């Protein structure tokens, strides 16, 4: 897991809010303006910006606006589902004993 707030099921798509907020906080510090001034430039409220900087979930539109201001693709924080999530070697087909229907003597 890569720092998600909630437990992450790797077989399901998710968004890395912790990485998103860390990236945003770095840019906010570098910019030097206050949250209200930046929120007005970005097109969100100061509360939205504060929530984003603390890793809280936001609507898609607000995330898009913030990513546009950050000049990053929104997908860099996307966690795609892993096709083999939950499968371990101990349960893979080569390790599973199959019943052939023959009785053991």
Foldseek 3Di string as FASTA:
>chain_A
DQQAPDDDQLQAKDFRLVVQLVLLVVVCVVVPDQLQVVCVVLVHHSVLSVCSNVSHDDDPVSLVSSCVVVVHDSCVRIRHRDPCGPDDPCPDPVNDDDDPVDDDD
